[in-house]
PDB file of N, CA and C in Angstrom:
ATOM      1  N   MET A   1       5.777 -18.294  21.162  1.00  0.00           N
ATOM      2  CA  MET A   1       5.584 -17.296  22.259  1.00  0.00           C
ATOM      3  C   MET A   1       6.832 -16.312  22.355  1.00  0.00           C
ATOM      4  N   ALA A   2       7.919 -17.000  22.047  1.00  0.00           N
ATOM      5  CA  ALA A   2       9.193 -16.182  22.153  1.00  0.00           C
ATOM      6  C   ALA A   2       9.106 -14.999  21.065  1.00  0.00           C
ATOM      7  N   ALA A   3       8.650 -15.379  19.865  1.00  0.00           N
ATOM      8  CA  ALA A   3       8.526 -14.421  18.823  1.00  0.00           C
ATOM      9  C   ALA A   3       7.625 -13.246  19.218  1.00  0.00           C
ATOM     10  N   GLY A   4       6.561 -13.435  19.884  1.00  0.00           N
ATOM     11  CA  GLY A   4       5.500 -12.537  20.374  1.00  0.00           C
ATOM     12  C   GLY A   4       6.097 -11.678  21.466  1.00  0.00           C
ATOM     13  N   PHE A   5       6.969 -12.329  22.408  1.00  0.00           N
ATOM     14  CA  PHE A   5       7.571 -11.528  23.394  1.00  0.00           C
ATOM     15  C   PHE A   5       8.663 -10.602  22.845  1.00  0.00           C
ATOM     16  N   VAL A   6       9.532 -11.029  21.866  1.00  0.00           N
ATOM     17  CA  VAL A   6      10.415 -10.155  21.285  1.00  0.00           C
ATOM     18  C   VAL A   6       9.753  -9.008  20.620  1.00  0.00           C
ATOM     19  N   ALA A   7       8.716  -9.343  19.894  1.00  0.00           N
ATOM     20  CA  ALA A   7       7.955  -8.293  19.085  1.00  0.00           C
ATOM     21  C   ALA A   7       7.364  -7.183  20.051  1.00  0.00           C
ATOM     22  N   VAL A   8       6.839  -7.585  21.124  1.00  0.00           N
ATOM     23  CA  VAL A   8       6.376  -6.733  22.132  1.00  0.00           C
ATOM     24  C   VAL A   8       7.336  -5.902  22.845  1.00  0.00           C
ATOM     25  N   CYS A   9       8.437  -6.448  23.115  1.00  0.00           N
ATOM     26  CA  CYS A   9       9.644  -5.806  23.766  1.00  0.00           C
ATOM     27  C   CYS A   9      10.136  -4.710  22.829  1.00  0.00           C
ATOM     28  N   PHE A  10      10.261  -4.894  21.520  1.00  0.00           N
ATOM     29  CA  PHE A  10      10.725  -3.910  20.760  1.00  0.00           C
ATOM     30  C   PHE A  10       9.572  -2.959  20.201  1.00  0.00           C
ATOM     31  N   GLY A  11       8.402  -3.493  20.052  1.00  0.00           N
ATOM     32  CA  GLY A  11       7.169  -2.711  19.682  1.00  0.00           C
ATOM     33  C   GLY A  11       6.550  -1.768  20.669  1.00  0.00           C
ATOM     34  N   SER A  12       6.532  -2.182  21.898  1.00  0.00           N
ATOM     35  CA  SER A  12       5.807  -1.427  22.908  1.00  0.00           C
ATOM     36  C   SER A  12       6.271  -0.036  23.106  1.00  0.00           C
ATOM     37  N   PRO A  13       7.469   0.216  23.171  1.00  0.00           N
ATOM     38  CA  PRO A  13       7.976   1.573  23.473  1.00  0.00           C
ATOM     39  C   PRO A  13       7.410   2.607  22.297  1.00  0.00           C
ATOM     40  N   VAL A  14       7.517   2.051  21.055  1.00  0.00           N
ATOM     41  CA  VAL A  14       7.162   2.929  19.951  1.00  0.00           C
ATOM     42  C   VAL A  14       5.572   3.011  19.859  1.00  0.00           C
ATOM     43  N   ASP A  15       4.836   1.942  20.251  1.00  0.00           N
ATOM     44  CA  ASP A  15       3.398   2.083  20.282  1.00  0.00           C
ATOM     45  C   ASP A  15       2.965   3.000  21.423  1.00  0.00           C
ATOM     46  N   VAL A  16       3.619   3.074  22.595  1.00  0.00           N
ATOM     47  CA  VAL A  16       3.196   3.940  23.623  1.00  0.00           C
ATOM     48  C   VAL A  16       3.534   5.427  23.206  1.00  0.00           C
ATOM     49  N   LEU A  17       4.620   5.590  22.563  1.00  0.00           N
ATOM     50  CA  LEU A  17       5.029   6.919  22.184  1.00  0.00           C
ATOM     51  C   LEU A  17       4.016   7.378  21.072  1.00  0.00           C
ATOM     52  N   LYS A  18       3.629   6.525  20.148  1.00  0.00           N
ATOM     53  CA  LYS A  18       2.711   6.986  19.162  1.00  0.00           C
ATOM     54  C   LYS A  18       1.324   7.241  19.804  1.00  0.00           C
ATOM     55  N   THR A  19       0.887   6.614  20.799  1.00  0.00           N
ATOM     56  CA  THR A  19      -0.275   6.815  21.496  1.00  0.00           C
ATOM     57  C   THR A  19      -0.236   8.171  22.181  1.00  0.00           C
ATOM     58  N   ARG A  20       0.831   8.287  22.879  1.00  0.00           N
ATOM     59  CA  ARG A  20       1.018   9.764  23.408  1.00  0.00           C
ATOM     60  C   ARG A  20       0.815  10.826  22.530  1.00  0.00           C
ATOM     61  N   LEU A  21       1.573  10.750  21.329  1.00  0.00           N
ATOM     62  CA  LEU A  21       1.607  11.771  20.334  1.00  0.00           C
ATOM     63  C   LEU A  21       0.193  12.043  19.769  1.00  0.00           C
ATOM     64  N   MET A  22      -0.549  10.853  19.571  1.00  0.00           N
ATOM     65  CA  MET A  22      -1.931  10.929  19.033  1.00  0.00           C
ATOM     66  C   MET A  22      -2.933  11.598  19.989  1.00  0.00           C
ATOM     67  N   ASN A  23      -2.717  11.293  21.269  1.00  0.00           N
ATOM     68  CA  ASN A  23      -3.602  11.862  22.349  1.00  0.00           C
ATOM     69  C   ASN A  23      -3.335  13.075  22.959  1.00  0.00           C
ATOM     70  N   ALA A  24      -2.230  13.786  22.379  1.00  0.00           N
ATOM     71  CA  ALA A  24      -1.811  15.068  22.957  1.00  0.00           C
ATOM     72  C   ALA A  24      -2.956  16.140  22.785  1.00  0.00           C
ATOM     73  N   THR A  25      -3.016  16.843  23.942  1.00  0.00           N
ATOM     74  CA  THR A  25      -4.031  17.895  23.783  1.00  0.00           C
ATOM     75  C   THR A  25      -3.410  19.185  23.332  1.00  0.00           C
ATOM     76  N   PRO A  26      -4.265  20.126  22.843  1.00  0.00           N
ATOM     77  CA  PRO A  26      -3.685  21.463  22.447  1.00  0.00           C
ATOM     78  C   PRO A  26      -2.805  22.014  23.567  1.00  0.00           C
ATOM     79  N   GLY A  27      -1.631  22.484  23.269  1.00  0.00           N
ATOM     80  CA  GLY A  27      -0.819  23.162  24.168  1.00  0.00           C
ATOM     81  C   GLY A  27       0.316  22.238  24.726  1.00  0.00           C
ATOM     82  N   GLN A  28       0.097  20.980  24.524  1.00  0.00           N
ATOM     83  CA  GLN A  28       1.218  19.897  24.928  1.00  0.00           C
ATOM     84  C   GLN A  28       2.243  19.955  23.932  1.00  0.00           C
ATOM     85  N   ARG A  29       3.472  19.632  24.376  1.00  0.00           N
ATOM     86  CA  ARG A  29       4.502  19.496  23.451  1.00  0.00           C
ATOM     87  C   ARG A  29       4.288  18.149  22.711  1.00  0.00           C
ATOM     88  N   THR A  30       4.567  18.241  21.332  1.00  0.00           N
ATOM     89  CA  THR A  30       4.098  17.181  20.583  1.00  0.00           C
ATOM     90  C   THR A  30       5.219  16.486  19.872  1.00  0.00           C
ATOM     91  N   GLY A  31       6.483  17.027  20.017  1.00  0.00           N
ATOM     92  CA  GLY A  31       7.530  16.487  19.206  1.00  0.00           C
ATOM     93  C   GLY A  31       7.950  15.048  19.861  1.00  0.00           C
ATOM     94  N   ALA A  32       8.368  14.201  19.129  1.00  0.00           N
ATOM     95  CA  ALA A  32       8.719  12.806  19.539  1.00  0.00           C
ATOM     96  C   ALA A  32       9.758  12.782  20.703  1.00  0.00           C
ATOM     97  N   PHE A  33      10.853  13.633  20.451  1.00  0.00           N
ATOM     98  CA  PHE A  33      11.852  13.696  21.440  1.00  0.00           C
ATOM     99  C   PHE A  33      11.360  14.451  22.722  1.00  0.00           C
ATOM    100  N   ALA A  34      10.493  15.403  22.620  1.00  0.00           N
ATOM    101  CA  ALA A  34       9.938  16.154  23.821  1.00  0.00           C
ATOM    102  C   ALA A  34       9.061  15.156  24.509  1.00  0.00           C
ATOM    103  N   VAL A  35       8.312  14.397  23.926  1.00  0.00           N
ATOM    104  CA  VAL A  35       7.413  13.423  24.540  1.00  0.00           C
ATOM    105  C   VAL A  35       8.415  12.274  25.304  1.00  0.00           C
ATOM    106  N   VAL A  36       9.322  11.874  24.548  1.00  0.00           N
ATOM    107  CA  VAL A  36      10.193  10.921  25.218  1.00  0.00           C
ATOM    108  C   VAL A  36      10.974  11.437  26.407  1.00  0.00           C
ATOM    109  N   ALA A  37      11.363  12.734  26.352  1.00  0.00           N
ATOM    110  CA  ALA A  37      11.988  13.320  27.517  1.00  0.00           C
ATOM    111  C   ALA A  37      11.134  13.547  28.653  1.00  0.00           C
ATOM    112  N   ASP A  38       9.867  13.934  28.358  1.00  0.00           N
ATOM    113  CA  ASP A  38       8.877  14.127  29.390  1.00  0.00           C
ATOM    114  C   ASP A  38       8.490  12.840  30.086  1.00  0.00           C
ATOM    115  N   MET A  39       8.203  11.775  29.313  1.00  0.00           N
ATOM    116  CA  MET A  39       8.011  10.465  29.791  1.00  0.00           C
ATOM    117  C   MET A  39       9.182   9.883  30.709  1.00  0.00           C
ATOM    118  N   MET A  40      10.504  10.052  30.372  1.00  0.00           N
ATOM    119  CA  MET A  40      11.553   9.588  31.162  1.00  0.00           C
ATOM    120  C   MET A  40      11.645  10.541  32.317  1.00  0.00           C
ATOM    121  N   ARG A  41      11.456  11.778  32.293  1.00  0.00           N
ATOM    122  CA  ARG A  41      11.639  12.620  33.542  1.00  0.00           C
ATOM    123  C   ARG A  41      10.460  12.500  34.483  1.00  0.00           C
ATOM    124  N   ASN A  42       9.243  12.339  34.006  1.00  0.00           N
ATOM    125  CA  ASN A  42       8.046  12.200  34.963  1.00  0.00           C
ATOM    126  C   ASN A  42       7.689  10.838  35.280  1.00  0.00           C
ATOM    127  N   GLU A  43       7.802   9.895  34.467  1.00  0.00           N
ATOM    128  CA  GLU A  43       7.462   8.392  34.782  1.00  0.00           C
ATOM    129  C   GLU A  43       8.496   7.522  34.761  1.00  0.00           C
ATOM    130  N   GLY A  44       9.676   7.638  34.138  1.00  0.00           N
ATOM    131  CA  GLY A  44      10.627   6.614  34.165  1.00  0.00           C
ATOM    132  C   GLY A  44      10.645   5.867  32.925  1.00  0.00           C
ATOM    133  N   PRO A  45      11.706   5.005  32.812  1.00  0.00           N
ATOM    134  CA  PRO A  45      11.650   4.210  31.594  1.00  0.00           C
ATOM    135  C   PRO A  45      10.703   3.117  31.401  1.00  0.00           C
ATOM    136  N   LEU A  46      10.072   2.634  32.570  1.00  0.00           N
ATOM    137  CA  LEU A  46       9.080   1.644  32.508  1.00  0.00           C
ATOM    138  C   LEU A  46       7.723   2.138  31.857  1.00  0.00           C
ATOM    139  N   ALA A  47       7.712   3.481  31.773  1.00  0.00           N
ATOM    140  CA  ALA A  47       6.414   4.086  31.182  1.00  0.00           C
ATOM    141  C   ALA A  47       6.305   3.608  29.693  1.00  0.00           C
ATOM    142  N   PHE A  48       7.416   3.283  29.007  1.00  0.00           N
ATOM    143  CA  PHE A  48       7.473   2.835  27.677  1.00  0.00           C
ATOM    144  C   PHE A  48       6.826   1.484  27.553  1.00  0.00           C
ATOM    145  N   TYR A  49       6.657   0.774  28.543  1.00  0.00           N
ATOM    146  CA  TYR A  49       6.100  -0.611  28.624  1.00  0.00           C
ATOM    147  C   TYR A  49       4.731  -0.652  29.243  1.00  0.00           C
ATOM    148  N   LYS A  50       3.888   0.400  29.316  1.00  0.00           N
ATOM    149  CA  LYS A  50       2.538   0.387  29.760  1.00  0.00           C
ATOM    150  C   LYS A  50       1.735  -0.540  28.903  1.00  0.00           C
ATOM    151  N   GLY A  51       0.987  -1.399  29.352  1.00  0.00           N
ATOM    152  CA  GLY A  51       0.074  -2.220  28.544  1.00  0.00           C
ATOM    153  C   GLY A  51       0.930  -3.429  27.990  1.00  0.00           C
ATOM    154  N   PHE A  52       2.110  -3.815  28.450  1.00  0.00           N
ATOM    155  CA  PHE A  52       2.814  -4.795  28.061  1.00  0.00           C
ATOM    156  C   PHE A  52       2.130  -6.135  28.035  1.00  0.00           C
ATOM    157  N   THR A  53       1.505  -6.491  29.248  1.00  0.00           N
ATOM    158  CA  THR A  53       0.981  -7.717  29.397  1.00  0.00           C
ATOM    159  C   THR A  53      -0.164  -8.024  28.422  1.00  0.00           C
ATOM    160  N   VAL A  54      -0.990  -6.930  28.271  1.00  0.00           N
ATOM    161  CA  VAL A  54      -2.185  -7.197  27.354  1.00  0.00           C
ATOM    162  C   VAL A  54      -1.724  -7.266  25.830  1.00  0.00           C
ATOM    163  N   ASN A  55      -0.586  -6.472  25.579  1.00  0.00           N
ATOM    164  CA  ASN A  55      -0.111  -6.599  24.221  1.00  0.00           C
ATOM    165  C   ASN A  55       0.562  -7.863  23.971  1.00  0.00           C
ATOM    166  N   PHE A  56       1.273  -8.454  24.987  1.00  0.00           N
ATOM    167  CA  PHE A  56       1.911  -9.751  24.849  1.00  0.00           C
ATOM    168  C   PHE A  56       0.880 -10.756  24.812  1.00  0.00           C
ATOM    169  N   LEU A  57      -0.255 -10.811  25.397  1.00  0.00           N
ATOM    170  CA  LEU A  57      -1.275 -11.855  25.438  1.00  0.00           C
ATOM    171  C   LEU A  57      -1.918 -11.909  24.001  1.00  0.00           C
ATOM    172  N   ARG A  58      -2.025 -10.649  23.406  1.00  0.00           N
ATOM    173  CA  ARG A  58      -2.653 -10.542  22.011  1.00  0.00           C
ATOM    174  C   ARG A  58      -1.680 -10.979  21.052  1.00  0.00           C
ATOM    175  N   ILE A  59      -0.518 -10.540  21.013  1.00  0.00           N
ATOM    176  CA  ILE A  59       0.418 -10.969  20.038  1.00  0.00           C
ATOM    177  C   ILE A  59       0.984 -12.340  20.202  1.00  0.00           C
ATOM    178  N   GLY A  60       1.190 -12.679  21.350  1.00  0.00           N
ATOM    179  CA  GLY A  60       1.677 -14.028  21.651  1.00  0.00           C
ATOM    180  C   GLY A  60       0.783 -15.057  21.257  1.00  0.00           C
ATOM    181  N   SER A  61      -0.551 -14.994  21.595  1.00  0.00           N
ATOM    182  CA  SER A  61      -1.565 -15.856  21.102  1.00  0.00           C
ATOM    183  C   SER A  61      -1.772 -15.905  19.701  1.00  0.00           C
ATOM    184  N   TRP A  62      -1.617 -14.770  19.050  1.00  0.00           N
ATOM    185  CA  TRP A  62      -1.627 -14.643  17.608  1.00  0.00           C
ATOM    186  C   TRP A  62      -0.520 -15.420  16.916  1.00  0.00           C
ATOM    187  N   ASN A  63       0.666 -15.249  17.387  1.00  0.00           N
ATOM    188  CA  ASN A  63       1.826 -16.091  16.958  1.00  0.00           C
ATOM    189  C   ASN A  63       1.646 -17.556  16.998  1.00  0.00           C
ATOM    190  N   VAL A  64       1.076 -18.072  18.096  1.00  0.00           N
ATOM    191  CA  VAL A  64       0.986 -19.386  18.416  1.00  0.00           C
ATOM    192  C   VAL A  64      -0.090 -19.910  17.343  1.00  0.00           C
ATOM    193  N   ALA A  65      -1.171 -19.217  17.281  1.00  0.00           N
ATOM    194  CA  ALA A  65      -2.254 -19.701  16.282  1.00  0.00           C
ATOM    195  C   ALA A  65      -1.819 -19.658  14.863  1.00  0.00           C
ATOM    196  N   MET A  66      -0.913 -18.664  14.452  1.00  0.00           N
ATOM    197  CA  MET A  66      -0.321 -18.358  13.065  1.00  0.00           C
ATOM    198  C   MET A  66       0.509 -19.689  12.807  1.00  0.00           C
ATOM    199  N   PHE A  67       1.382 -19.967  13.715  1.00  0.00           N
ATOM    200  CA  PHE A  67       2.308 -20.992  13.352  1.00  0.00           C
ATOM    201  C   PHE A  67       1.614 -22.451  13.420  1.00  0.00           C
ATOM    202  N   LEU A  68       0.613 -22.704  14.275  1.00  0.00           N
ATOM    203  CA  LEU A  68      -0.054 -23.910  14.251  1.00  0.00           C
ATOM    204  C   LEU A  68      -0.910 -24.175  12.849  1.00  0.00           C
ATOM    205  N   ILE A  69      -1.472 -23.054  12.513  1.00  0.00           N
ATOM    206  CA  ILE A  69      -2.247 -23.111  11.333  1.00  0.00           C
ATOM    207  C   ILE A  69      -1.307 -23.282  10.018  1.00  0.00           C
ATOM    208  N   LEU A  70      -0.075 -22.531  10.113  1.00  0.00           N
ATOM    209  CA  LEU A  70       0.826 -22.723   8.946  1.00  0.00           C
ATOM    210  C   LEU A  70       1.408 -24.167   8.912  1.00  0.00           C
ATOM    211  N   GLU A  71       1.677 -24.661  10.028  1.00  0.00           N
ATOM    212  CA  GLU A  71       2.213 -26.086  10.029  1.00  0.00           C
ATOM    213  C   GLU A  71       1.083 -27.005   9.453  1.00  0.00           C
ATOM    214  N   ARG A  72      -0.054 -26.852   9.840  1.00  0.00           N
ATOM    215  CA  ARG A  72      -1.086 -27.710   9.284  1.00  0.00           C
ATOM    216  C   ARG A  72      -1.296 -27.497   7.781  1.00  0.00           C
ATOM    217  N   ILE A  73      -1.335 -26.170   7.283  1.00  0.00           N
ATOM    218  CA  ILE A  73      -1.332 -26.062   5.808  1.00  0.00           C
ATOM    219  C   ILE A  73      -0.227 -26.687   5.047  1.00  0.00           C
ATOM    220  N   LYS A  74       1.025 -26.642   5.670  1.00  0.00           N
ATOM    221  CA  LYS A  74       2.191 -27.306   4.980  1.00  0.00           C
ATOM    222  C   LYS A  74       2.003 -28.814   5.062  1.00  0.00           C
ATOM    223  N   LEU A  75       1.399 -29.360   5.927  1.00  0.00           N
ATOM    224  CA  LEU A  75       1.081 -30.772   5.934  1.00  0.00           C
ATOM    225  C   LEU A  75       0.193 -31.168   4.818  1.00  0.00           C
ATOM    226  N   GLN A  76      -0.879 -30.392   4.696  1.00  0.00           N
ATOM    227  CA  GLN A  76      -1.948 -30.580   3.594  1.00  0.00           C
ATOM    228  C   GLN A  76      -1.289 -30.585   2.385  1.00  0.00           C
ATOM    229  N   PHE A  77      -0.371 -29.427   2.052  1.00  0.00           N
ATOM    230  CA  PHE A  77       0.227 -29.338   0.915  1.00  0.00           C
ATOM    231  C   PHE A  77       1.182 -30.377   0.490  1.00  0.00           C
ATOM    232  N   ASP A  78       1.973 -30.839   1.644  1.00  0.00           N
ATOM    233  CA  ASP A  78       2.883 -32.077   1.246  1.00  0.00           C
ATOM    234  C   ASP A  78       2.154 -33.419   0.875  1.00  0.00           C
ATOM    235  N   ALA A  79       0.929 -33.566   1.624  1.00  0.00           N
ATOM    236  CA  ALA A  79       0.144 -34.716   1.386  1.00  0.00           C
ATOM    237  C   ALA A  79      -0.484 -34.626  -0.128  1.00  0.00           C
ATOM    238  N   MET A  80      -0.788 -33.343  -0.550  1.00  0.00           N
ATOM    239  CA  MET A  80      -1.364 -33.221  -1.920  1.00  0.00           C
ATOM    240  C   MET A  80      -0.231 -33.396  -2.920  1.00  0.00           C
ATOM    241  N   ILE A  81       0.954 -32.919  -2.629  1.00  0.00           N
ATOM    242  CA  ILE A  81       1.997 -33.121  -3.629  1.00  0.00           C
ATOM    243  C   ILE A  81       2.369 -34.636  -3.747  1.00  0.00           C
ATOM    244  N   GLU A  82       2.426 -35.321  -2.574  1.00  0.00           N
ATOM    245  CA  GLU A  82       2.817 -36.581  -2.662  1.00  0.00           C
ATOM    246  C   GLU A  82       1.668 -37.524  -3.361  1.00  0.00           C
ATOM    247  N   ALA A  83       0.328 -37.115  -3.213  1.00  0.00           N
ATOM    248  CA  ALA A  83      -0.644 -37.794  -3.973  1.00  0.00           C
ATOM    249  C   ALA A  83      -0.518 -37.584  -5.528  1.00  0.00           C
ATOM    250  N   GLU A  84      -0.116 -36.398  -5.714  1.00  0.00           N
ATOM    251  CA  GLU A  84      -0.109 -36.042  -7.250  1.00  0.00           C
ATOM    252  C   GLU A  84       1.174 -36.871  -7.799  1.00  0.00           C
ATOM    253  N   ALA A  85       2.171 -36.927  -7.075  1.00  0.00           N
ATOM    254  CA  ALA A  85       3.454 -37.703  -7.554  1.00  0.00           C
ATOM    255  C   ALA A  85       3.131 -39.209  -7.795  1.00  0.00           C
ATOM    256  N   ARG A  86       2.102 -39.742  -7.042  1.00  0.00           N
ATOM    257  CA  ARG A  86       1.727 -41.107  -7.278  1.00  0.00           C
ATOM    258  C   ARG A  86       0.837 -41.420  -8.363  1.00  0.00           C
ATOM    259  N   GLY A  87       0.381 -40.183  -8.866  1.00  0.00           N
ATOM    260  CA  GLY A  87      -0.505 -40.301  -9.974  1.00  0.00           C
ATOM    261  C   GLY A  87      -1.999 -40.089  -9.616  1.00  0.00           C
ATOM    262  N   GLY A  88      -2.441 -39.895  -8.496  1.00  0.00           N
ATOM    263  CA  GLY A  88      -3.592 -39.591  -8.056  1.00  0.00           C
ATOM    264  C   GLY A  88      -3.909 -38.311  -7.836  1.00  0.00           C
ATOM    265  N   LYS A  89      -5.129 -37.778  -7.613  1.00  0.00           N
ATOM    266  CA  LYS A  89      -5.400 -36.405  -7.360  1.00  0.00           C
ATOM    267  C   LYS A  89      -6.176 -36.421  -6.055  1.00  0.00           C
TER     268      LYS A  89
END
């Protein structure tokens, strides 16, 4: 869970900025620095963390599942290697 939290803390501002740039309408300022300045001026620094909870639930649960599956696979490989070392397959 901690890995997911850290990933969202660092990735969320970039993701929000990317979304703002992609959804810009014609006539809006589209430079990254201009969008950052507008967000800070109009919405404050927490604007970079919109959708944080949903993003954390998605990435956090993925990290938990990934590590549980990885550990299970490692146990299977260890058992397979041990069986081969004893001469069986």
